Amino acid sequence: MGLSTHVLDTMNGCPAAGMAVSLFATQGDQVQLIKSLVLNADGRSDGPLLDNSQLQLGTYRLVFGVKDYFSALGLVLPQPHFLDKVSLDFGVAEPTQHYHVPLLVSPWSYSTYRGS
């Protein structure tokens, strides 16, 4: 399966449909954009971010457009927003395994875990 993600909007109790996500490969100070996408109605990408043949040993970064997502919903929030982009850096030690990196988010908090 490779690498996947999904986002749950914990403020509204629903998938974060329409949220922008970017995936980067990182190595020290070097950061390389791999892909950018918009999450579907289920708060997921339409396919894996990286399939098994693309996922490699190393470090990656997912950047989620939290501020833009909540702004598009029409929420009136203090300026500047508490969260803008949420960046999750993670390592892949076993590229033959499935790595699922979900985000649970509200305008004021977020959490993540290695899912299955």
Protein backbone atom coordinates (compact mmCIF):
# COMPACT_ATOMS: atom_id res chain seq x y z
CA MET A 1 0.00 0.00 0.00
CA GLY A 2 2.90 2.44 0.59
CA LEU A 3 2.05 5.77 2.21
CA SER A 4 -1.44 7.15 2.87
CA THR A 5 -3.13 9.85 4.92
CA HIS A 6 -6.52 11.12 5.89
CA VAL A 7 -7.75 14.10 7.88
CA LEU A 8 -10.64 14.31 10.31
CA ASP A 9 -12.09 17.69 11.24
CA THR A 10 -12.69 17.18 14.98
CA MET A 11 -14.47 20.53 15.37
CA ASN A 12 -17.23 19.56 12.96
CA GLY A 13 -17.02 15.78 13.35
CA CYS A 14 -16.41 15.05 9.67
CA PRO A 15 -13.72 14.32 7.09
CA ALA A 16 -11.70 17.39 6.03
CA ALA A 17 -12.87 17.36 2.42
CA GLY A 18 -11.05 19.88 0.27
CA MET A 19 -8.00 20.33 2.51
CA ALA A 20 -4.74 20.84 0.61
CA VAL A 21 -1.85 18.50 1.45
CA SER A 22 1.75 18.49 0.24
CA LEU A 23 4.25 15.66 0.62
CA PHE A 24 7.99 16.31 0.77
CA ALA A 25 11.08 14.12 1.03
CA THR A 26 13.54 15.55 3.55
CA GLN A 27 17.21 14.96 4.14
CA GLY A 28 18.92 17.31 6.58
CA ASP A 29 18.20 20.84 5.36
CA GLN A 30 17.13 19.63 1.92
CA VAL A 31 13.41 19.45 1.21
CA GLN A 32 11.99 18.19 -2.09
CA LEU A 33 8.32 18.44 -3.04
CA ILE A 34 6.99 15.06 -4.16
CA LYS A 35 3.32 15.90 -4.69
CA SER A 36 0.50 18.25 -3.76
CA LEU A 37 -3.15 17.26 -3.69
CA VAL A 38 -6.59 18.11 -2.34
CA LEU A 39 -8.39 15.61 -0.12
CA ASN A 40 -11.60 14.05 -1.45
CA ALA A 41 -15.05 14.00 0.20
CA ASP A 42 -13.85 11.25 2.55
CA GLY A 43 -10.89 13.37 3.73
CA ARG A 44 -8.46 11.08 1.89
CA SER A 45 -6.30 11.18 -1.20
CA ASP A 46 -7.77 9.34 -4.18
CA GLY A 47 -4.90 6.85 -4.04
CA PRO A 48 -1.72 6.25 -2.08
CA LEU A 49 0.60 9.24 -1.69
CA LEU A 50 3.41 6.84 -2.57
CA ASP A 51 2.92 3.23 -3.61
CA ASN A 52 5.17 0.38 -2.46
CA SER A 53 7.58 0.87 -5.34
CA GLN A 54 7.99 4.60 -4.54
CA LEU A 55 8.22 4.54 -0.74
CA GLN A 56 11.85 4.55 0.37
CA LEU A 57 13.80 4.42 3.60
CA GLY A 58 14.14 7.99 4.82
CA THR A 59 12.34 11.00 6.20
CA TYR A 60 9.28 12.75 4.88
CA ARG A 61 7.10 15.74 5.68
CA LEU A 62 3.35 16.14 5.21
CA VAL A 63 2.06 19.73 5.24
CA PHE A 64 -1.68 20.23 5.76
CA GLY A 65 -3.43 23.51 4.84
CA VAL A 66 -5.41 23.84 8.07
CA LYS A 67 -5.99 27.62 8.05
CA ASP A 68 -7.23 27.66 4.46
CA TYR A 69 -9.52 24.68 5.11
CA PHE A 70 -11.24 26.27 8.12
CA SER A 71 -11.36 29.69 6.42
CA ALA A 72 -13.14 28.12 3.43
CA LEU A 73 -15.81 26.84 5.82
CA GLY A 74 -16.61 30.44 6.72
CA LEU A 75 -15.53 30.22 10.35
CA VAL A 76 -14.84 33.54 12.03
CA LEU A 77 -11.58 32.99 13.88
CA PRO A 78 -9.16 35.36 15.62
CA GLN A 79 -6.47 36.84 13.40
CA PRO A 80 -3.89 35.56 12.99
CA HIS A 81 -5.19 32.01 13.08
CA PHE A 82 -3.71 29.84 15.82
CA LEU A 83 -2.85 27.11 13.28
CA ASP A 84 -1.86 27.87 9.70
CA LYS A 85 -0.13 24.90 8.13
CA VAL A 86 0.44 21.76 10.17
CA SER A 87 3.70 20.09 9.29
CA LEU A 88 4.34 16.47 10.30
CA ASP A 89 7.86 15.09 9.92
CA PHE A 90 8.16 11.31 10.11
CA GLY A 91 10.58 8.54 9.27
CA VAL A 92 10.12 5.42 7.20
CA ALA A 93 12.30 2.61 8.56
CA GLU A 94 10.54 -0.29 6.80
CA PRO A 95 9.52 0.81 3.28
CA THR A 96 7.91 -2.57 2.57
CA GLN A 97 5.30 -1.86 5.28
CA HIS A 98 2.24 0.36 4.98
CA TYR A 99 2.63 3.80 6.55
CA HIS A 100 -0.63 5.60 7.29
CA VAL A 101 -0.25 9.11 8.75
CA PRO A 102 -3.63 10.56 9.75
CA LEU A 103 -4.33 14.01 11.15
CA LEU A 104 -7.10 14.88 13.59
CA VAL A 105 -7.49 18.65 13.60
CA SER A 106 -9.50 21.64 14.82
CA PRO A 107 -8.61 25.34 14.49
CA TRP A 108 -6.83 25.09 17.89
CA SER A 109 -5.28 21.62 18.10
CA TYR A 110 -4.10 18.56 16.22
CA SER A 111 -2.85 15.06 16.82
CA THR A 112 -1.47 12.24 14.74
CA TYR A 113 -0.36 8.64 15.06
CA ARG A 114 0.98 5.87 12.87
CA GLY A 115 -2.16 4.17 11.64
CA SER A 116 -2.64 0.91 9.81
